[in-house]
Amino acid sequence: MQTWKTISVVMAILTTVAFGYTPFGSAAAGKNLEHMITEAKTPADHKAIATYYEKEAQEAHRKHTEHQQMRDEYAKLPVLKTKTGAVDHCDAIAKKYEEIAKEYEALAQMHREMATAAK
């Protein structure tokens, strides 16, 4: 019985991971981000780019939290914790998403400052 419970938990986690890796979204209502950046001249242009990066940062924070939760679930199952390295794997991914979020936040801040300077 315990084996089936463990298998069910693992399958649920793997399914979550498989469906969780979707792209972070599209740049400001379908506009190409690179085009938005190269053509940005007005405060509104830079604010739109900042908003895009803020949304990306939020998504990265969500992924960070998701991988921390998966790490915690793996840690509850001794066989997965010790034999697979799953805890370390989720820890590493969570840290990367946290770094990504910080980078997106820095880009958003930079464009907010550019919006102020463009006035």
PDB file of N, CA and C in Angstrom:
ATOM      1  N   MET A   1       0.826  -1.203   0.000  1.00  0.00           N
ATOM      2  CA  MET A   1       0.000   0.000   0.000  1.00  0.00           C
ATOM      3  C   MET A   1       0.864   1.258   0.000  1.00  0.00           C
ATOM      4  N   GLN A   2       1.908   1.273   0.824  1.00  0.00           N
ATOM      5  CA  GLN A   2       2.805   2.421   0.890  1.00  0.00           C
ATOM      6  C   GLN A   2       3.495   2.640  -0.457  1.00  0.00           C
ATOM      7  N   THR A   3       3.834   1.549  -1.149  1.00  0.00           N
ATOM      8  CA  THR A   3       4.493   1.651  -2.450  1.00  0.00           C
ATOM      9  C   THR A   3       3.596   2.373  -3.447  1.00  0.00           C
ATOM     10  N   TRP A   4       2.318   2.028  -3.483  1.00  0.00           N
ATOM     11  CA  TRP A   4       1.393   2.680  -4.411  1.00  0.00           C
ATOM     12  C   TRP A   4       1.215   4.152  -4.076  1.00  0.00           C
ATOM     13  N   LYS A   5       1.218   4.455  -2.799  1.00  0.00           N
ATOM     14  CA  LYS A   5       1.098   5.852  -2.381  1.00  0.00           C
ATOM     15  C   LYS A   5       2.328   6.636  -2.851  1.00  0.00           C
ATOM     16  N   THR A   6       3.495   6.054  -2.684  1.00  0.00           N
ATOM     17  CA  THR A   6       4.739   6.695  -3.117  1.00  0.00           C
ATOM     18  C   THR A   6       4.742   6.896  -4.630  1.00  0.00           C
ATOM     19  N   ILE A   7       4.336   5.880  -5.350  1.00  0.00           N
ATOM     20  CA  ILE A   7       4.284   5.970  -6.816  1.00  0.00           C
ATOM     21  C   ILE A   7       3.307   7.060  -7.243  1.00  0.00           C
ATOM     22  N   SER A   8       2.175   7.138  -6.575  1.00  0.00           N
ATOM     23  CA  SER A   8       1.173   8.159  -6.908  1.00  0.00           C
ATOM     24  C   SER A   8       1.718   9.567  -6.680  1.00  0.00           C
ATOM     25  N   VAL A   9       2.418   9.761  -5.575  1.00  0.00           N
ATOM     26  CA  VAL A   9       2.989  11.069  -5.278  1.00  0.00           C
ATOM     27  C   VAL A   9       4.032  11.436  -6.328  1.00  0.00           C
ATOM     28  N   VAL A  10       4.894  10.491  -6.662  1.00  0.00           N
ATOM     29  CA  VAL A  10       5.927  10.742  -7.667  1.00  0.00           C
ATOM     30  C   VAL A  10       5.293  11.092  -9.007  1.00  0.00           C
ATOM     31  N   MET A  11       4.294  10.347  -9.410  1.00  0.00           N
ATOM     32  CA  MET A  11       3.624  10.622 -10.690  1.00  0.00           C
ATOM     33  C   MET A  11       2.974  12.001 -10.677  1.00  0.00           C
ATOM     34  N   ALA A  12       2.375  12.368  -9.566  1.00  0.00           N
ATOM     35  CA  ALA A  12       1.753  13.692  -9.470  1.00  0.00           C
ATOM     36  C   ALA A  12       2.803  14.799  -9.606  1.00  0.00           C
ATOM     37  N   ILE A  13       3.928  14.610  -8.966  1.00  0.00           N
ATOM     38  CA  ILE A  13       4.995  15.605  -9.048  1.00  0.00           C
ATOM     39  C   ILE A  13       5.545  15.691 -10.464  1.00  0.00           C
ATOM     40  N   LEU A  14       5.792  14.550 -11.070  1.00  0.00           N
ATOM     41  CA  LEU A  14       6.328  14.544 -12.427  1.00  0.00           C
ATOM     42  C   LEU A  14       5.362  15.175 -13.421  1.00  0.00           C
ATOM     43  N   THR A  15       4.082  14.925 -13.246  1.00  0.00           N
ATOM     44  CA  THR A  15       3.076  15.529 -14.121  1.00  0.00           C
ATOM     45  C   THR A  15       3.071  17.047 -13.955  1.00  0.00           C
ATOM     46  N   THR A  16       3.153  17.494 -12.711  1.00  0.00           N
ATOM     47  CA  THR A  16       3.201  18.931 -12.451  1.00  0.00           C
ATOM     48  C   THR A  16       4.414  19.562 -13.119  1.00  0.00           C
ATOM     49  N   VAL A  17       5.552  18.909 -12.992  1.00  0.00           N
ATOM     50  CA  VAL A  17       6.777  19.429 -13.601  1.00  0.00           C
ATOM     51  C   VAL A  17       6.640  19.463 -15.120  1.00  0.00           C
ATOM     52  N   ALA A  18       6.138  18.377 -15.709  1.00  0.00           N
ATOM     53  CA  ALA A  18       6.027  18.294 -17.167  1.00  0.00           C
ATOM     54  C   ALA A  18       5.131  19.392 -17.732  1.00  0.00           C
ATOM     55  N   PHE A  19       4.010  19.640 -17.079  1.00  0.00           N
ATOM     56  CA  PHE A  19       3.090  20.659 -17.588  1.00  0.00           C
ATOM     57  C   PHE A  19       3.446  22.056 -17.112  1.00  0.00           C
ATOM     58  N   GLY A  20       4.351  22.156 -16.159  1.00  0.00           N
ATOM     59  CA  GLY A  20       4.728  23.455 -15.621  1.00  0.00           C
ATOM     60  C   GLY A  20       5.732  24.212 -16.462  1.00  0.00           C
ATOM     61  N   TYR A  21       6.370  23.534 -17.410  1.00  0.00           N
ATOM     62  CA  TYR A  21       7.399  24.193 -18.206  1.00  0.00           C
ATOM     63  C   TYR A  21       6.814  24.786 -19.469  1.00  0.00           C
ATOM     64  N   THR A  22       6.019  25.805 -19.282  1.00  0.00           N
ATOM     65  CA  THR A  22       5.463  26.525 -20.418  1.00  0.00           C
ATOM     66  C   THR A  22       6.202  27.846 -20.546  1.00  0.00           C
ATOM     67  N   PRO A  23       6.231  28.414 -21.718  1.00  0.00           N
ATOM     68  CA  PRO A  23       6.916  29.703 -21.879  1.00  0.00           C
ATOM     69  C   PRO A  23       6.317  30.757 -20.963  1.00  0.00           C
ATOM     70  N   PHE A  24       7.102  31.750 -20.604  1.00  0.00           N
ATOM     71  CA  PHE A  24       6.701  32.759 -19.642  1.00  0.00           C
ATOM     72  C   PHE A  24       5.645  33.726 -20.158  1.00  0.00           C
ATOM     73  N   GLY A  25       5.254  33.689 -21.362  1.00  0.00           N
ATOM     74  CA  GLY A  25       4.245  34.616 -21.838  1.00  0.00           C
ATOM     75  C   GLY A  25       4.747  35.404 -23.021  1.00  0.00           C
ATOM     76  N   SER A  26       3.880  36.224 -23.557  1.00  0.00           N
ATOM     77  CA  SER A  26       4.260  36.978 -24.744  1.00  0.00           C
ATOM     78  C   SER A  26       4.467  38.437 -24.389  1.00  0.00           C
ATOM     79  N   ALA A  27       5.292  39.069 -25.123  1.00  0.00           N
ATOM     80  CA  ALA A  27       5.643  40.469 -24.866  1.00  0.00           C
ATOM     81  C   ALA A  27       4.461  41.369 -25.166  1.00  0.00           C
ATOM     82  N   ALA A  28       4.103  42.149 -24.185  1.00  0.00           N
ATOM     83  CA  ALA A  28       3.093  43.202 -24.265  1.00  0.00           C
ATOM     84  C   ALA A  28       2.123  43.067 -25.426  1.00  0.00           C
ATOM     85  N   ALA A  29       1.090  42.301 -25.198  1.00  0.00           N
ATOM     86  CA  ALA A  29      -0.017  42.162 -26.149  1.00  0.00           C
ATOM     87  C   ALA A  29       0.447  41.760 -27.545  1.00  0.00           C
ATOM     88  N   GLY A  30       1.333  40.792 -27.601  1.00  0.00           N
ATOM     89  CA  GLY A  30       1.733  40.245 -28.890  1.00  0.00           C
ATOM     90  C   GLY A  30       2.838  40.994 -29.604  1.00  0.00           C
ATOM     91  N   LYS A  31       3.275  42.092 -29.074  1.00  0.00           N
ATOM     92  CA  LYS A  31       4.356  42.826 -29.720  1.00  0.00           C
ATOM     93  C   LYS A  31       5.675  42.090 -29.461  1.00  0.00           C
ATOM     94  N   ASN A  32       6.564  42.190 -30.392  1.00  0.00           N
ATOM     95  CA  ASN A  32       7.872  41.583 -30.273  1.00  0.00           C
ATOM     96  C   ASN A  32       8.711  42.398 -29.295  1.00  0.00           C
ATOM     97  N   LEU A  33       9.234  41.736 -28.251  1.00  0.00           N
ATOM     98  CA  LEU A  33       9.988  42.452 -27.218  1.00  0.00           C
ATOM     99  C   LEU A  33      11.209  43.158 -27.790  1.00  0.00           C
ATOM    100  N   GLU A  34      11.912  42.487 -28.681  1.00  0.00           N
ATOM    101  CA  GLU A  34      13.094  43.121 -29.271  1.00  0.00           C
ATOM    102  C   GLU A  34      12.723  44.407 -30.006  1.00  0.00           C
ATOM    103  N   HIS A  35      11.607  44.357 -30.714  1.00  0.00           N
ATOM    104  CA  HIS A  35      11.127  45.544 -31.427  1.00  0.00           C
ATOM    105  C   HIS A  35      10.737  46.634 -30.438  1.00  0.00           C
ATOM    106  N   MET A  36      10.069  46.232 -29.361  1.00  0.00           N
ATOM    107  CA  MET A  36       9.679  47.211 -28.347  1.00  0.00           C
ATOM    108  C   MET A  36      10.910  47.909 -27.777  1.00  0.00           C
ATOM    109  N   ILE A  37      11.968  47.145 -27.542  1.00  0.00           N
ATOM    110  CA  ILE A  37      13.180  47.710 -26.956  1.00  0.00           C
ATOM    111  C   ILE A  37      13.871  48.659 -27.929  1.00  0.00           C
ATOM    112  N   THR A  38      14.025  48.222 -29.169  1.00  0.00           N
ATOM    113  CA  THR A  38      14.742  49.064 -30.135  1.00  0.00           C
ATOM    114  C   THR A  38      13.964  50.322 -30.502  1.00  0.00           C
ATOM    115  N   GLU A  39      12.649  50.271 -30.401  1.00  0.00           N
ATOM    116  CA  GLU A  39      11.823  51.426 -30.772  1.00  0.00           C
ATOM    117  C   GLU A  39      11.406  52.285 -29.577  1.00  0.00           C
ATOM    118  N   ALA A  40      11.783  51.903 -28.365  1.00  0.00           N
ATOM    119  CA  ALA A  40      11.351  52.632 -27.172  1.00  0.00           C
ATOM    120  C   ALA A  40      11.966  54.031 -27.123  1.00  0.00           C
ATOM    121  N   LYS A  41      11.084  55.021 -27.105  1.00  0.00           N
ATOM    122  CA  LYS A  41      11.536  56.409 -27.044  1.00  0.00           C
ATOM    123  C   LYS A  41      10.771  57.216 -25.996  1.00  0.00           C
ATOM    124  N   THR A  42       9.550  56.851 -25.764  1.00  0.00           N
ATOM    125  CA  THR A  42       8.696  57.622 -24.865  1.00  0.00           C
ATOM    126  C   THR A  42       8.623  56.946 -23.490  1.00  0.00           C
ATOM    127  N   PRO A  43       8.185  57.695 -22.482  1.00  0.00           N
ATOM    128  CA  PRO A  43       7.986  57.086 -21.163  1.00  0.00           C
ATOM    129  C   PRO A  43       7.022  55.895 -21.221  1.00  0.00           C
ATOM    130  N   ALA A  44       5.980  56.017 -22.015  1.00  0.00           N
ATOM    131  CA  ALA A  44       5.008  54.918 -22.132  1.00  0.00           C
ATOM    132  C   ALA A  44       5.652  53.666 -22.710  1.00  0.00           C
ATOM    133  N   ASP A  45       6.546  53.843 -23.678  1.00  0.00           N
ATOM    134  CA  ASP A  45       7.248  52.698 -24.259  1.00  0.00           C
ATOM    135  C   ASP A  45       8.045  51.954 -23.181  1.00  0.00           C
ATOM    136  N   HIS A  46       8.795  52.722 -22.389  1.00  0.00           N
ATOM    137  CA  HIS A  46       9.625  52.105 -21.352  1.00  0.00           C
ATOM    138  C   HIS A  46       8.779  51.518 -20.226  1.00  0.00           C
ATOM    139  N   LYS A  47       7.664  52.152 -19.922  1.00  0.00           N
ATOM    140  CA  LYS A  47       6.769  51.606 -18.892  1.00  0.00           C
ATOM    141  C   LYS A  47       6.172  50.279 -19.353  1.00  0.00           C
ATOM    142  N   ALA A  48       5.853  50.164 -20.642  1.00  0.00           N
ATOM    143  CA  ALA A  48       5.322  48.906 -21.170  1.00  0.00           C
ATOM    144  C   ALA A  48       6.357  47.792 -21.067  1.00  0.00           C
ATOM    145  N   ILE A  49       7.588  48.112 -21.354  1.00  0.00           N
ATOM    146  CA  ILE A  49       8.660  47.117 -21.242  1.00  0.00           C
ATOM    147  C   ILE A  49       8.860  46.739 -19.776  1.00  0.00           C
ATOM    148  N   ALA A  50       8.836  47.717 -18.879  1.00  0.00           N
ATOM    149  CA  ALA A  50       8.971  47.449 -17.444  1.00  0.00           C
ATOM    150  C   ALA A  50       7.847  46.532 -16.967  1.00  0.00           C
ATOM    151  N   THR A  51       6.644  46.781 -17.442  1.00  0.00           N
ATOM    152  CA  THR A  51       5.506  45.941 -17.069  1.00  0.00           C
ATOM    153  C   THR A  51       5.715  44.505 -17.539  1.00  0.00           C
ATOM    154  N   TYR A  52       6.210  44.352 -18.743  1.00  0.00           N
ATOM    155  CA  TYR A  52       6.514  43.013 -19.269  1.00  0.00           C
ATOM    156  C   TYR A  52       7.504  42.303 -18.355  1.00  0.00           C
ATOM    157  N   TYR A  53       8.589  42.975 -17.987  1.00  0.00           N
ATOM    158  CA  TYR A  53       9.605  42.357 -17.138  1.00  0.00           C
ATOM    159  C   TYR A  53       9.069  42.066 -15.735  1.00  0.00           C
ATOM    160  N   GLU A  54       8.194  42.918 -15.233  1.00  0.00           N
ATOM    161  CA  GLU A  54       7.584  42.660 -13.928  1.00  0.00           C
ATOM    162  C   GLU A  54       6.743  41.387 -13.958  1.00  0.00           C
ATOM    163  N   LYS A  55       6.014  41.178 -15.046  1.00  0.00           N
ATOM    164  CA  LYS A  55       5.226  39.947 -15.181  1.00  0.00           C
ATOM    165  C   LYS A  55       6.136  38.722 -15.264  1.00  0.00           C
ATOM    166  N   GLU A  56       7.227  38.847 -15.979  1.00  0.00           N
ATOM    167  CA  GLU A  56       8.183  37.750 -16.075  1.00  0.00           C
ATOM    168  C   GLU A  56       8.778  37.439 -14.702  1.00  0.00           C
ATOM    169  N   ALA A  57       9.074  38.481 -13.929  1.00  0.00           N
ATOM    170  CA  ALA A  57       9.616  38.291 -12.581  1.00  0.00           C
ATOM    171  C   ALA A  57       8.598  37.571 -11.700  1.00  0.00           C
ATOM    172  N   GLN A  58       7.332  37.952 -11.809  1.00  0.00           N
ATOM    173  CA  GLN A  58       6.288  37.287 -11.025  1.00  0.00           C
ATOM    174  C   GLN A  58       6.201  35.805 -11.381  1.00  0.00           C
ATOM    175  N   GLU A  59       6.289  35.497 -12.657  1.00  0.00           N
ATOM    176  CA  GLU A  59       6.237  34.104 -13.091  1.00  0.00           C
ATOM    177  C   GLU A  59       7.452  33.329 -12.569  1.00  0.00           C
ATOM    178  N   ALA A  60       8.616  33.945 -12.592  1.00  0.00           N
ATOM    179  CA  ALA A  60       9.820  33.291 -12.075  1.00  0.00           C
ATOM    180  C   ALA A  60       9.697  33.063 -10.564  1.00  0.00           C
ATOM    181  N   HIS A  61       9.114  34.013  -9.849  1.00  0.00           N
ATOM    182  CA  HIS A  61       8.877  33.824  -8.408  1.00  0.00           C
ATOM    183  C   HIS A  61       7.917  32.657  -8.177  1.00  0.00           C
ATOM    184  N   ARG A  62       6.902  32.548  -9.014  1.00  0.00           N
ATOM    185  CA  ARG A  62       5.939  31.445  -8.890  1.00  0.00           C
ATOM    186  C   ARG A  62       6.649  30.105  -9.107  1.00  0.00           C
ATOM    187  N   LYS A  63       7.507  30.049 -10.120  1.00  0.00           N
ATOM    188  CA  LYS A  63       8.257  28.822 -10.393  1.00  0.00           C
ATOM    189  C   LYS A  63       9.224  28.505  -9.248  1.00  0.00           C
ATOM    190  N   HIS A  64       9.832  29.528  -8.683  1.00  0.00           N
ATOM    191  CA  HIS A  64      10.725  29.347  -7.540  1.00  0.00           C
ATOM    192  C   HIS A  64       9.967  28.669  -6.400  1.00  0.00           C
ATOM    193  N   THR A  65       8.805  29.206  -6.067  1.00  0.00           N
ATOM    194  CA  THR A  65       7.983  28.656  -4.992  1.00  0.00           C
ATOM    195  C   THR A  65       7.547  27.228  -5.317  1.00  0.00           C
ATOM    196  N   GLU A  66       7.158  26.990  -6.549  1.00  0.00           N
ATOM    197  CA  GLU A  66       6.723  25.665  -6.972  1.00  0.00           C
ATOM    198  C   GLU A  66       7.838  24.632  -6.758  1.00  0.00           C
ATOM    199  N   HIS A  67       9.046  24.975  -7.115  1.00  0.00           N
ATOM    200  CA  HIS A  67      10.153  24.028  -6.960  1.00  0.00           C
ATOM    201  C   HIS A  67      10.562  23.855  -5.497  1.00  0.00           C
ATOM    202  N   GLN A  68      10.374  24.880  -4.688  1.00  0.00           N
ATOM    203  CA  GLN A  68      10.604  24.713  -3.256  1.00  0.00           C
ATOM    204  C   GLN A  68       9.584  23.734  -2.670  1.00  0.00           C
ATOM    205  N   GLN A  69       8.348  23.846  -3.116  1.00  0.00           N
ATOM    206  CA  GLN A  69       7.312  22.939  -2.634  1.00  0.00           C
ATOM    207  C   GLN A  69       7.578  21.505  -3.089  1.00  0.00           C
ATOM    208  N   MET A  70       8.018  21.341  -4.325  1.00  0.00           N
ATOM    209  CA  MET A  70       8.357  19.992  -4.800  1.00  0.00           C
ATOM    210  C   MET A  70       9.527  19.427  -3.993  1.00  0.00           C
ATOM    211  N   ARG A  71      10.521  20.276  -3.715  1.00  0.00           N
ATOM    212  CA  ARG A  71      11.653  19.841  -2.895  1.00  0.00           C
ATOM    213  C   ARG A  71      11.162  19.329  -1.552  1.00  0.00           C
ATOM    214  N   ASP A  72      10.242  20.050  -0.939  1.00  0.00           N
ATOM    215  CA  ASP A  72       9.706  19.649   0.356  1.00  0.00           C
ATOM    216  C   ASP A  72       8.970  18.314   0.270  1.00  0.00           C
ATOM    217  N   GLU A  73       8.248  18.107  -0.830  1.00  0.00           N
ATOM    218  CA  GLU A  73       7.541  16.838  -1.013  1.00  0.00           C
ATOM    219  C   GLU A  73       8.520  15.680  -1.215  1.00  0.00           C
ATOM    220  N   TYR A  74       9.542  15.904  -2.014  1.00  0.00           N
ATOM    221  CA  TYR A  74      10.566  14.872  -2.195  1.00  0.00           C
ATOM    222  C   TYR A  74      11.244  14.542  -0.866  1.00  0.00           C
ATOM    223  N   ALA A  75      11.484  15.555  -0.058  1.00  0.00           N
ATOM    224  CA  ALA A  75      12.171  15.351   1.216  1.00  0.00           C
ATOM    225  C   ALA A  75      11.351  14.492   2.177  1.00  0.00           C
ATOM    226  N   LYS A  76      10.046  14.445   1.997  1.00  0.00           N
ATOM    227  CA  LYS A  76       9.182  13.623   2.861  1.00  0.00           C
ATOM    228  C   LYS A  76       9.291  12.141   2.547  1.00  0.00           C
ATOM    229  N   LEU A  77       9.769  11.810   1.355  1.00  0.00           N
ATOM    230  CA  LEU A  77       9.837  10.406   0.933  1.00  0.00           C
ATOM    231  C   LEU A  77      11.293   9.942   0.974  1.00  0.00           C
ATOM    232  N   PRO A  78      11.656   9.196   1.992  1.00  0.00           N
ATOM    233  CA  PRO A  78      13.065   8.825   2.177  1.00  0.00           C
ATOM    234  C   PRO A  78      13.725   8.207   0.947  1.00  0.00           C
ATOM    235  N   VAL A  79      13.024   7.351   0.247  1.00  0.00           N
ATOM    236  CA  VAL A  79      13.636   6.709  -0.914  1.00  0.00           C
ATOM    237  C   VAL A  79      13.965   7.726  -2.002  1.00  0.00           C
ATOM    238  N   LEU A  80      13.121   8.720  -2.184  1.00  0.00           N
ATOM    239  CA  LEU A  80      13.375   9.758  -3.186  1.00  0.00           C
ATOM    240  C   LEU A  80      14.423  10.753  -2.707  1.00  0.00           C
ATOM    241  N   LYS A  81      14.419  11.000  -1.422  1.00  0.00           N
ATOM    242  CA  LYS A  81      15.370  11.959  -0.856  1.00  0.00           C
ATOM    243  C   LYS A  81      16.802  11.445  -0.966  1.00  0.00           C
ATOM    244  N   THR A  82      17.009  10.181  -0.680  1.00  0.00           N
ATOM    245  CA  THR A  82      18.376   9.664  -0.616  1.00  0.00           C
ATOM    246  C   THR A  82      18.852   9.018  -1.906  1.00  0.00           C
ATOM    247  N   LYS A  83      17.979   8.424  -2.668  1.00  0.00           N
ATOM    248  CA  LYS A  83      18.408   7.651  -3.837  1.00  0.00           C
ATOM    249  C   LYS A  83      18.432   8.444  -5.146  1.00  0.00           C
ATOM    250  N   THR A  84      17.640   9.483  -5.247  1.00  0.00           N
ATOM    251  CA  THR A  84      17.489  10.147  -6.546  1.00  0.00           C
ATOM    252  C   THR A  84      18.173  11.504  -6.652  1.00  0.00           C
ATOM    253  N   GLY A  85      18.444  12.136  -5.554  1.00  0.00           N
ATOM    254  CA  GLY A  85      18.985  13.491  -5.609  1.00  0.00           C
ATOM    255  C   GLY A  85      17.930  14.517  -5.972  1.00  0.00           C
ATOM    256  N   ALA A  86      16.657  14.122  -5.886  1.00  0.00           N
ATOM    257  CA  ALA A  86      15.564  15.004  -6.291  1.00  0.00           C
ATOM    258  C   ALA A  86      15.516  16.281  -5.453  1.00  0.00           C
ATOM    259  N   VAL A  87      15.838  16.170  -4.176  1.00  0.00           N
ATOM    260  CA  VAL A  87      15.812  17.355  -3.308  1.00  0.00           C
ATOM    261  C   VAL A  87      16.831  18.381  -3.810  1.00  0.00           C
ATOM    262  N   ASP A  88      18.048  17.915  -4.090  1.00  0.00           N
ATOM    263  CA  ASP A  88      19.082  18.822  -4.598  1.00  0.00           C
ATOM    264  C   ASP A  88      18.701  19.395  -5.961  1.00  0.00           C
ATOM    265  N   HIS A  89      18.093  18.564  -6.784  1.00  0.00           N
ATOM    266  CA  HIS A  89      17.659  19.000  -8.111  1.00  0.00           C
ATOM    267  C   HIS A  89      16.663  20.155  -7.991  1.00  0.00           C
ATOM    268  N   CYS A  90      15.639  19.969  -7.173  1.00  0.00           N
ATOM    269  CA  CYS A  90      14.625  21.017  -7.004  1.00  0.00           C
ATOM    270  C   CYS A  90      15.219  22.259  -6.352  1.00  0.00           C
ATOM    271  N   ASP A  91      16.137  22.065  -5.422  1.00  0.00           N
ATOM    272  CA  ASP A  91      16.817  23.204  -4.803  1.00  0.00           C
ATOM    273  C   ASP A  91      17.551  24.035  -5.853  1.00  0.00           C
ATOM    274  N   ALA A  92      18.281  23.355  -6.731  1.00  0.00           N
ATOM    275  CA  ALA A  92      19.048  24.046  -7.766  1.00  0.00           C
ATOM    276  C   ALA A  92      18.130  24.813  -8.706  1.00  0.00           C
ATOM    277  N   ILE A  93      17.038  24.202  -9.115  1.00  0.00           N
ATOM    278  CA  ILE A  93      16.096  24.874 -10.019  1.00  0.00           C
ATOM    279  C   ILE A  93      15.447  26.062  -9.315  1.00  0.00           C
ATOM    280  N   ALA A  94      15.066  25.893  -8.064  1.00  0.00           N
ATOM    281  CA  ALA A  94      14.447  26.993  -7.317  1.00  0.00           C
ATOM    282  C   ALA A  94      15.398  28.184  -7.231  1.00  0.00           C
ATOM    283  N   LYS A  95      16.668  27.919  -6.976  1.00  0.00           N
ATOM    284  CA  LYS A  95      17.654  29.001  -6.892  1.00  0.00           C
ATOM    285  C   LYS A  95      17.808  29.711  -8.230  1.00  0.00           C
ATOM    286  N   LYS A  96      17.784  28.951  -9.326  1.00  0.00           N
ATOM    287  CA  LYS A  96      17.896  29.572 -10.649  1.00  0.00           C
ATOM    288  C   LYS A  96      16.702  30.475 -10.938  1.00  0.00           C
ATOM    289  N   TYR A  97      15.498  30.003 -10.597  1.00  0.00           N
ATOM    290  CA  TYR A  97      14.319  30.845 -10.816  1.00  0.00           C
ATOM    291  C   TYR A  97      14.370  32.104  -9.955  1.00  0.00           C
ATOM    292  N   GLU A  98      14.912  31.995  -8.746  1.00  0.00           N
ATOM    293  CA  GLU A  98      15.049  33.172  -7.892  1.00  0.00           C
ATOM    294  C   GLU A  98      16.012  34.180  -8.537  1.00  0.00           C
ATOM    295  N   GLU A  99      17.106  33.687  -9.098  1.00  0.00           N
ATOM    296  CA  GLU A  99      18.059  34.556  -9.795  1.00  0.00           C
ATOM    297  C   GLU A  99      17.425  35.202 -11.027  1.00  0.00           C
ATOM    298  N   ILE A 100      16.656  34.417 -11.768  1.00  0.00           N
ATOM    299  CA  ILE A 100      15.973  34.938 -12.953  1.00  0.00           C
ATOM    300  C   ILE A 100      15.009  36.057 -12.547  1.00  0.00           C
ATOM    301  N   ALA A 101      14.260  35.841 -11.478  1.00  0.00           N
ATOM    302  CA  ALA A 101      13.319  36.859 -11.005  1.00  0.00           C
ATOM    303  C   ALA A 101      14.047  38.158 -10.668  1.00  0.00           C
ATOM    304  N   LYS A 102      15.187  38.040 -10.000  1.00  0.00           N
ATOM    305  CA  LYS A 102      15.960  39.233  -9.644  1.00  0.00           C
ATOM    306  C   LYS A 102      16.446  39.967 -10.892  1.00  0.00           C
ATOM    307  N   GLU A 103      16.856  39.230 -11.899  1.00  0.00           N
ATOM    308  CA  GLU A 103      17.315  39.857 -13.143  1.00  0.00           C
ATOM    309  C   GLU A 103      16.166  40.584 -13.839  1.00  0.00           C
ATOM    310  N   TYR A 104      14.999  39.942 -13.898  1.00  0.00           N
ATOM    311  CA  TYR A 104      13.841  40.598 -14.507  1.00  0.00           C
ATOM    312  C   TYR A 104      13.458  41.851 -13.722  1.00  0.00           C
ATOM    313  N   GLU A 105      13.520  41.790 -12.403  1.00  0.00           N
ATOM    314  CA  GLU A 105      13.202  42.963 -11.589  1.00  0.00           C
ATOM    315  C   GLU A 105      14.187  44.098 -11.868  1.00  0.00           C
ATOM    316  N   ALA A 106      15.456  43.750 -12.050  1.00  0.00           N
ATOM    317  CA  ALA A 106      16.463  44.773 -12.369  1.00  0.00           C
ATOM    318  C   ALA A 106      16.183  45.399 -13.737  1.00  0.00           C
ATOM    319  N   LEU A 107      15.792  44.587 -14.704  1.00  0.00           N
ATOM    320  CA  LEU A 107      15.458  45.130 -16.029  1.00  0.00           C
ATOM    321  C   LEU A 107      14.233  46.035 -15.954  1.00  0.00           C
ATOM    322  N   ALA A 108      13.244  45.623 -15.171  1.00  0.00           N
ATOM    323  CA  ALA A 108      12.047  46.458 -15.011  1.00  0.00           C
ATOM    324  C   ALA A 108      12.413  47.800 -14.384  1.00  0.00           C
ATOM    325  N   GLN A 109      13.243  47.767 -13.360  1.00  0.00           N
ATOM    326  CA  GLN A 109      13.676  49.007 -12.706  1.00  0.00           C
ATOM    327  C   GLN A 109      14.427  49.910 -13.684  1.00  0.00           C
ATOM    328  N   MET A 110      15.289  49.306 -14.485  1.00  0.00           N
ATOM    329  CA  MET A 110      16.053  50.070 -15.464  1.00  0.00           C
ATOM    330  C   MET A 110      15.111  50.791 -16.434  1.00  0.00           C
ATOM    331  N   HIS A 111      14.070  50.103 -16.890  1.00  0.00           N
ATOM    332  CA  HIS A 111      13.136  50.730 -17.843  1.00  0.00           C
ATOM    333  C   HIS A 111      12.243  51.756 -17.154  1.00  0.00           C
ATOM    334  N   ARG A 112      11.924  51.561 -15.878  1.00  0.00           N
ATOM    335  CA  ARG A 112      11.184  52.611 -15.144  1.00  0.00           C
ATOM    336  C   ARG A 112      12.039  53.875 -15.067  1.00  0.00           C
ATOM    337  N   GLU A 113      13.337  53.704 -14.818  1.00  0.00           N
ATOM    338  CA  GLU A 113      14.236  54.859 -14.763  1.00  0.00           C
ATOM    339  C   GLU A 113      14.372  55.509 -16.151  1.00  0.00           C
ATOM    340  N   MET A 114      14.400  54.702 -17.188  1.00  0.00           N
ATOM    341  CA  MET A 114      14.473  55.247 -18.548  1.00  0.00           C
ATOM    342  C   MET A 114      13.192  56.006 -18.882  1.00  0.00           C
ATOM    343  N   ALA A 115      12.062  55.532 -18.370  1.00  0.00           N
ATOM    344  CA  ALA A 115      10.800  56.232 -18.595  1.00  0.00           C
ATOM    345  C   ALA A 115      10.830  57.605 -17.944  1.00  0.00           C
ATOM    346  N   THR A 116      11.371  57.682 -16.753  1.00  0.00           N
ATOM    347  CA  THR A 116      11.495  58.969 -16.056  1.00  0.00           C
ATOM    348  C   THR A 116      12.429  59.906 -16.819  1.00  0.00           C
ATOM    349  N   ALA A 117      13.544  59.369 -17.297  1.00  0.00           N
ATOM    350  CA  ALA A 117      14.529  60.186 -18.014  1.00  0.00           C
ATOM    351  C   ALA A 117      14.008  60.638 -19.374  1.00  0.00           C
ATOM    352  N   ALA A 118      13.080  59.888 -19.971  1.00  0.00           N
ATOM    353  CA  ALA A 118      12.582  60.217 -21.303  1.00  0.00           C
ATOM    354  C   ALA A 118      11.570  61.363 -21.294  1.00  0.00           C
ATOM    355  N   LYS A 119      11.154  61.817 -20.134  1.00  0.00           N
ATOM    356  CA  LYS A 119      10.137  62.875 -20.038  1.00  0.00           C
ATOM    357  C   LYS A 119      10.660  64.189 -20.527  1.00  0.00           C
TER     358      LYS A 119
END
